[in-house]
Amino acid sequence: MAVLNFTRLQDLIDQDALKAKRVFIRADLNVPQDDAGNITEDTRVRASVPAIRAALDAGAAAVPYRHFVAVMRHPRRRVVMTAG
């Protein structure tokens, strides 16, 4: 079985490797919305804040990238379209 090696954000912070760097942060922002497009529950948005704050506190320029999926309905099947 292959071993996956990866570096966590905290590892980079501990190595002082983020100063003056841009940090690309992909966040799952699929949130429920009402018919007017207002967010009705923001747990996922709030869950992204600690990583963004940690990057900023480490001297990086945080670049949050949203992951947003819109579901379109078809009479016989669901089609998922990803934008962002």
N, C-alpha and C. Protein backbone atom coordinates (compact mmCIF):
# COMPACT_ATOMS: atom_id res chain seq x y z
N MET A 1 0.84 -1.17 0.00
CA MET A 1 0.00 0.00 0.00
C MET A 1 0.89 1.25 0.00
N ALA A 2 0.54 2.22 -0.81
CA ALA A 2 1.33 3.44 -0.93
C ALA A 2 1.13 4.34 0.29
N VAL A 3 2.19 5.01 0.66
CA VAL A 3 2.14 5.95 1.76
C VAL A 3 1.98 7.34 1.17
N LEU A 4 0.99 8.07 1.66
CA LEU A 4 0.77 9.43 1.19
C LEU A 4 1.52 10.40 2.08
N ASN A 5 2.35 11.20 1.48
CA ASN A 5 3.06 12.24 2.22
C ASN A 5 2.43 13.57 1.89
N PHE A 6 2.10 14.32 2.90
CA PHE A 6 1.54 15.64 2.69
C PHE A 6 1.99 16.56 3.81
N THR A 7 1.93 17.84 3.50
CA THR A 7 2.31 18.85 4.47
C THR A 7 1.07 19.59 4.91
N ARG A 8 0.86 19.66 6.20
CA ARG A 8 -0.29 20.38 6.74
C ARG A 8 0.04 21.86 6.88
N LEU A 9 -0.98 22.68 6.94
CA LEU A 9 -0.79 24.11 7.15
C LEU A 9 0.01 24.35 8.42
N GLN A 10 -0.32 23.63 9.49
CA GLN A 10 0.39 23.82 10.75
C GLN A 10 1.87 23.47 10.61
N ASP A 11 2.21 22.47 9.79
CA ASP A 11 3.62 22.14 9.56
C ASP A 11 4.36 23.33 8.96
N LEU A 12 3.74 23.98 7.98
CA LEU A 12 4.36 25.15 7.34
C LEU A 12 4.49 26.32 8.31
N ILE A 13 3.49 26.49 9.16
CA ILE A 13 3.56 27.54 10.18
C ILE A 13 4.70 27.25 11.15
N ASP A 14 4.81 26.00 11.60
CA ASP A 14 5.87 25.61 12.54
C ASP A 14 7.26 25.80 11.92
N GLN A 15 7.38 25.64 10.61
CA GLN A 15 8.66 25.80 9.92
C GLN A 15 8.93 27.26 9.54
N ASP A 16 8.00 28.15 9.91
CA ASP A 16 8.11 29.57 9.57
C ASP A 16 8.26 29.76 8.06
N ALA A 17 7.51 28.97 7.31
CA ALA A 17 7.64 28.95 5.85
C ALA A 17 6.60 29.80 5.12
N LEU A 18 5.76 30.51 5.85
CA LEU A 18 4.68 31.24 5.19
C LEU A 18 4.89 32.75 5.09
N LYS A 19 5.89 33.27 5.75
CA LYS A 19 6.10 34.73 5.73
C LYS A 19 6.29 35.22 4.30
N ALA A 20 5.53 36.26 3.97
CA ALA A 20 5.59 36.91 2.66
C ALA A 20 5.24 35.96 1.51
N LYS A 21 4.49 34.92 1.80
CA LYS A 21 4.03 33.97 0.77
C LYS A 21 2.54 34.12 0.57
N ARG A 22 2.08 33.71 -0.60
CA ARG A 22 0.64 33.63 -0.84
C ARG A 22 0.21 32.19 -0.55
N VAL A 23 -0.82 32.05 0.24
CA VAL A 23 -1.32 30.73 0.60
C VAL A 23 -2.71 30.56 0.00
N PHE A 24 -2.82 29.60 -0.90
CA PHE A 24 -4.06 29.28 -1.59
C PHE A 24 -4.84 28.33 -0.70
N ILE A 25 -6.01 28.76 -0.22
CA ILE A 25 -6.81 27.95 0.70
C ILE A 25 -8.13 27.60 0.01
N ARG A 26 -8.31 26.32 -0.27
CA ARG A 26 -9.56 25.87 -0.87
C ARG A 26 -10.54 25.56 0.24
N ALA A 27 -11.70 26.18 0.18
CA ALA A 27 -12.69 26.03 1.24
C ALA A 27 -14.00 25.51 0.68
N ASP A 28 -14.61 24.60 1.39
CA ASP A 28 -15.92 24.08 1.01
C ASP A 28 -16.96 25.06 1.51
N LEU A 29 -17.52 25.82 0.59
CA LEU A 29 -18.51 26.82 0.96
C LEU A 29 -19.89 26.48 0.43
N ASN A 30 -20.16 25.20 0.28
CA ASN A 30 -21.50 24.78 -0.11
C ASN A 30 -22.42 25.02 1.08
N VAL A 31 -23.23 26.03 0.98
CA VAL A 31 -24.09 26.40 2.09
C VAL A 31 -25.54 26.46 1.61
N PRO A 32 -26.47 26.16 2.49
CA PRO A 32 -27.88 26.27 2.10
C PRO A 32 -28.26 27.74 1.91
N GLN A 33 -29.05 27.96 0.88
CA GLN A 33 -29.51 29.31 0.59
C GLN A 33 -31.01 29.30 0.40
N ASP A 34 -31.63 30.44 0.70
CA ASP A 34 -33.07 30.55 0.45
C ASP A 34 -33.29 30.98 -1.00
N ASP A 35 -34.53 31.17 -1.38
CA ASP A 35 -34.86 31.51 -2.76
C ASP A 35 -34.25 32.83 -3.22
N ALA A 36 -33.94 33.72 -2.28
CA ALA A 36 -33.35 35.02 -2.62
C ALA A 36 -31.83 34.95 -2.67
N GLY A 37 -31.26 33.78 -2.38
CA GLY A 37 -29.81 33.62 -2.41
C GLY A 37 -29.11 33.93 -1.10
N ASN A 38 -29.87 34.19 -0.05
CA ASN A 38 -29.29 34.46 1.26
C ASN A 38 -28.83 33.16 1.92
N ILE A 39 -27.69 33.20 2.57
CA ILE A 39 -27.19 32.03 3.29
C ILE A 39 -28.06 31.80 4.52
N THR A 40 -28.55 30.58 4.65
CA THR A 40 -29.43 30.28 5.79
C THR A 40 -28.71 29.53 6.91
N GLU A 41 -27.51 29.01 6.65
CA GLU A 41 -26.75 28.29 7.66
C GLU A 41 -25.28 28.40 7.27
N ASP A 42 -24.45 28.99 8.14
CA ASP A 42 -23.09 29.35 7.75
C ASP A 42 -21.97 28.55 8.45
N THR A 43 -22.26 27.36 8.90
CA THR A 43 -21.26 26.57 9.62
C THR A 43 -20.00 26.35 8.78
N ARG A 44 -20.15 26.02 7.53
CA ARG A 44 -18.99 25.75 6.68
C ARG A 44 -18.15 27.01 6.46
N VAL A 45 -18.80 28.14 6.34
CA VAL A 45 -18.07 29.40 6.18
C VAL A 45 -17.26 29.66 7.45
N ARG A 46 -17.91 29.53 8.59
CA ARG A 46 -17.22 29.75 9.87
C ARG A 46 -16.09 28.76 10.09
N ALA A 47 -16.23 27.54 9.58
CA ALA A 47 -15.19 26.52 9.74
C ALA A 47 -13.93 26.86 8.94
N SER A 48 -14.05 27.69 7.92
CA SER A 48 -12.89 28.09 7.10
C SER A 48 -12.06 29.18 7.76
N VAL A 49 -12.65 29.92 8.67
CA VAL A 49 -11.98 31.08 9.26
C VAL A 49 -10.69 30.72 9.99
N PRO A 50 -10.60 29.67 10.80
CA PRO A 50 -9.35 29.39 11.51
C PRO A 50 -8.14 29.18 10.59
N ALA A 51 -8.31 28.50 9.49
CA ALA A 51 -7.19 28.29 8.56
C ALA A 51 -6.77 29.60 7.91
N ILE A 52 -7.73 30.42 7.54
CA ILE A 52 -7.42 31.71 6.94
C ILE A 52 -6.71 32.59 7.95
N ARG A 53 -7.23 32.63 9.17
CA ARG A 53 -6.62 33.43 10.24
C ARG A 53 -5.21 32.94 10.55
N ALA A 54 -5.00 31.62 10.60
CA ALA A 54 -3.67 31.07 10.90
C ALA A 54 -2.66 31.47 9.83
N ALA A 55 -3.05 31.44 8.58
CA ALA A 55 -2.15 31.85 7.49
C ALA A 55 -1.81 33.33 7.62
N LEU A 56 -2.81 34.16 7.88
CA LEU A 56 -2.58 35.59 8.04
C LEU A 56 -1.66 35.87 9.23
N ASP A 57 -1.92 35.19 10.35
CA ASP A 57 -1.11 35.38 11.56
C ASP A 57 0.34 34.95 11.35
N ALA A 58 0.56 34.01 10.40
CA ALA A 58 1.91 33.53 10.11
C ALA A 58 2.63 34.43 9.10
N GLY A 59 1.98 35.52 8.70
CA GLY A 59 2.63 36.47 7.79
C GLY A 59 2.36 36.24 6.33
N ALA A 60 1.43 35.36 6.02
CA ALA A 60 1.11 35.06 4.63
C ALA A 60 -0.04 35.94 4.13
N ALA A 61 -0.15 36.00 2.84
CA ALA A 61 -1.33 36.60 2.20
C ALA A 61 -2.25 35.44 1.88
N ALA A 62 -3.36 35.34 2.57
CA ALA A 62 -4.29 34.23 2.36
C ALA A 62 -5.15 34.51 1.13
N VAL A 63 -5.26 33.50 0.28
CA VAL A 63 -6.08 33.60 -0.92
C VAL A 63 -7.14 32.49 -0.84
N PRO A 64 -8.27 32.79 -0.22
CA PRO A 64 -9.31 31.76 -0.14
C PRO A 64 -9.91 31.50 -1.52
N TYR A 65 -10.09 30.25 -1.82
CA TYR A 65 -10.70 29.83 -3.08
C TYR A 65 -11.96 29.07 -2.72
N ARG A 66 -13.05 29.49 -3.26
CA ARG A 66 -14.31 28.84 -2.90
C ARG A 66 -14.56 27.62 -3.76
N HIS A 67 -15.15 26.67 -3.13
CA HIS A 67 -15.65 25.49 -3.82
C HIS A 67 -17.15 25.57 -3.66
N PHE A 68 -17.83 25.78 -4.76
CA PHE A 68 -19.27 25.97 -4.68
C PHE A 68 -19.93 25.11 -5.74
N VAL A 69 -20.86 24.29 -5.35
CA VAL A 69 -21.54 23.40 -6.27
C VAL A 69 -23.00 23.80 -6.34
N ALA A 70 -23.47 24.01 -7.54
CA ALA A 70 -24.89 24.31 -7.75
C ALA A 70 -25.54 23.06 -8.35
N VAL A 71 -26.64 22.67 -7.81
CA VAL A 71 -27.34 21.48 -8.30
C VAL A 71 -28.49 21.94 -9.18
N MET A 72 -28.48 21.46 -10.41
CA MET A 72 -29.56 21.77 -11.34
C MET A 72 -30.42 20.52 -11.47
N ARG A 73 -31.69 20.68 -11.52
CA ARG A 73 -32.60 19.53 -11.58
C ARG A 73 -32.99 19.22 -13.02
N HIS A 74 -32.99 17.97 -13.32
CA HIS A 74 -33.41 17.47 -14.62
C HIS A 74 -34.55 16.49 -14.34
N PRO A 75 -35.53 16.36 -15.23
CA PRO A 75 -36.64 15.47 -14.95
C PRO A 75 -36.23 14.05 -14.56
N ARG A 76 -35.14 13.54 -15.15
CA ARG A 76 -34.77 12.16 -14.86
C ARG A 76 -33.49 11.99 -14.04
N ARG A 77 -32.71 13.02 -13.92
CA ARG A 77 -31.45 12.88 -13.18
C ARG A 77 -31.00 14.22 -12.63
N ARG A 78 -30.09 14.17 -11.66
CA ARG A 78 -29.50 15.39 -11.11
C ARG A 78 -28.18 15.65 -11.82
N VAL A 79 -27.94 16.87 -12.19
CA VAL A 79 -26.69 17.26 -12.79
C VAL A 79 -26.01 18.21 -11.83
N VAL A 80 -24.79 17.92 -11.49
CA VAL A 80 -24.05 18.78 -10.57
C VAL A 80 -23.05 19.60 -11.38
N MET A 81 -23.12 20.90 -11.22
CA MET A 81 -22.21 21.79 -11.93
C MET A 81 -21.33 22.47 -10.89
N THR A 82 -20.03 22.46 -11.12
CA THR A 82 -19.10 23.10 -10.21
C THR A 82 -18.64 24.41 -10.82
N ALA A 83 -18.72 25.47 -10.04
CA ALA A 83 -18.24 26.78 -10.48
C ALA A 83 -17.19 27.25 -9.50
N GLY A 84 -16.23 28.00 -9.99
CA GLY A 84 -15.26 28.56 -9.06
C GLY A 84 -13.93 28.25 -9.40
